[in-house]
Amino acid sequence: METPVRIEVKPAAIDLVWADGATTRLDASTLRAACPCAACKGAAVPRVVAAGILSARVVGDYALGITFAPDGHATGIFPYDLLRSLGDAA
């Protein structure tokens, strides 16, 4: 599994730099829409939420936990593989 060598958290986006030199910028709305938590994945109708990023924390050596504004949603754990693939798809 690839891990980022640098992570920069901003109110509207997260920037990641990977070992191969590639960079990924993911805006808060994209991340919130891709939230892998059980509540978001199980929603019958996906919610569209205007999102910002309050904070992000490293989870083990495999993921980021992100706390979103304005609602404080913080149950999604985003594996680095998911973050890389979201960036590659953009």
Protein backbone atom coordinates (compact mmCIF):
# COMPACT_ATOMS: atom_id res chain seq x y z
CA MET A 1 0.00 0.00 0.00
CA GLU A 2 1.26 3.42 -0.92
CA THR A 3 1.40 6.10 1.74
CA PRO A 4 1.77 9.83 1.20
CA VAL A 5 5.07 11.48 2.09
CA ARG A 6 3.34 14.80 2.80
CA ILE A 7 -0.21 15.71 3.80
CA GLU A 8 -1.43 19.30 3.91
CA VAL A 9 -4.89 19.94 5.31
CA LYS A 10 -6.67 23.15 4.28
CA PRO A 11 -10.23 24.32 5.02
CA ALA A 12 -11.39 23.49 1.48
CA ALA A 13 -9.07 20.64 0.40
CA ILE A 14 -6.42 18.11 1.31
CA ASP A 15 -3.18 17.96 -0.67
CA LEU A 16 -1.16 14.74 -0.70
CA VAL A 17 2.29 14.13 -2.15
CA TRP A 18 3.13 10.50 -2.91
CA ALA A 19 6.51 8.75 -2.90
CA ASP A 20 6.54 8.68 -6.71
CA GLY A 21 6.26 12.49 -6.79
CA ALA A 22 2.61 12.56 -7.86
CA THR A 23 0.35 15.04 -6.12
CA THR A 24 -3.32 14.71 -5.30
CA ARG A 25 -5.64 17.56 -4.34
CA LEU A 26 -9.06 16.51 -3.09
CA ASP A 27 -11.64 19.16 -2.33
CA ALA A 28 -13.84 18.84 0.72
CA SER A 29 -17.05 18.24 -1.23
CA THR A 30 -15.47 15.37 -3.19
CA LEU A 31 -14.21 13.79 0.02
CA ARG A 32 -17.55 14.16 1.78
CA ALA A 33 -19.39 12.61 -1.19
CA ALA A 34 -16.97 9.65 -1.09
CA CYS A 35 -17.18 9.15 2.68
CA PRO A 36 -16.84 5.40 3.31
CA CYS A 37 -18.54 5.31 6.72
CA ALA A 38 -21.50 3.02 7.29
CA ALA A 39 -23.98 5.89 7.63
CA CYS A 40 -22.96 7.49 4.33
CA LYS A 41 -22.60 4.23 2.40
CA GLY A 42 -25.95 2.98 3.70
CA ALA A 43 -27.88 6.12 2.81
CA ALA A 44 -30.69 5.30 0.38
CA VAL A 45 -30.42 8.79 -1.07
CA PRO A 46 -26.93 10.27 -1.01
CA ARG A 47 -26.89 13.59 0.76
CA VAL A 48 -25.31 16.54 -0.95
CA VAL A 49 -23.58 18.55 1.72
CA ALA A 50 -21.63 21.74 1.29
CA ALA A 51 -18.47 20.73 3.07
CA GLY A 52 -15.32 22.12 4.50
CA ILE A 53 -12.56 20.39 6.45
CA LEU A 54 -12.13 21.08 10.15
CA SER A 55 -9.27 18.63 10.70
CA ALA A 56 -7.67 15.40 9.59
CA ARG A 57 -5.79 12.80 11.61
CA VAL A 58 -3.57 9.91 10.61
CA VAL A 59 -5.17 6.53 11.37
CA GLY A 60 -2.50 3.86 11.82
CA ASP A 61 -0.27 3.75 8.77
CA TYR A 62 -3.06 3.29 6.25
CA ALA A 63 -5.64 6.08 6.35
CA LEU A 64 -6.86 9.54 7.27
CA GLY A 65 -9.80 10.31 9.50
CA ILE A 66 -11.41 13.57 8.41
CA THR A 67 -13.70 15.86 10.39
CA PHE A 68 -15.96 17.88 8.11
CA ALA A 69 -17.56 21.29 8.55
CA PRO A 70 -20.18 22.47 9.11
CA ASP A 71 -21.74 19.40 10.73
CA GLY A 72 -18.71 17.83 12.46
CA HIS A 73 -19.13 14.52 10.59
CA ALA A 74 -16.07 12.47 11.56
CA THR A 75 -16.84 8.76 11.24
CA GLY A 76 -15.30 8.15 7.83
CA ILE A 77 -11.83 6.62 7.64
CA PHE A 78 -10.29 7.20 4.21
CA PRO A 79 -7.65 4.59 3.29
CA TYR A 80 -4.73 6.03 1.34
CA ASP A 81 -5.59 3.77 -1.59
CA LEU A 82 -9.03 5.39 -1.78
CA LEU A 83 -7.54 8.88 -1.62
CA ARG A 84 -5.09 8.07 -4.39
CA SER A 85 -7.83 6.59 -6.60
CA LEU A 86 -10.11 9.59 -6.03
CA GLY A 87 -7.28 11.82 -7.19
CA ASP A 88 -6.51 9.65 -10.20
CA ALA A 89 -10.19 9.73 -11.22
CA ALA A 90 -10.36 13.53 -11.10
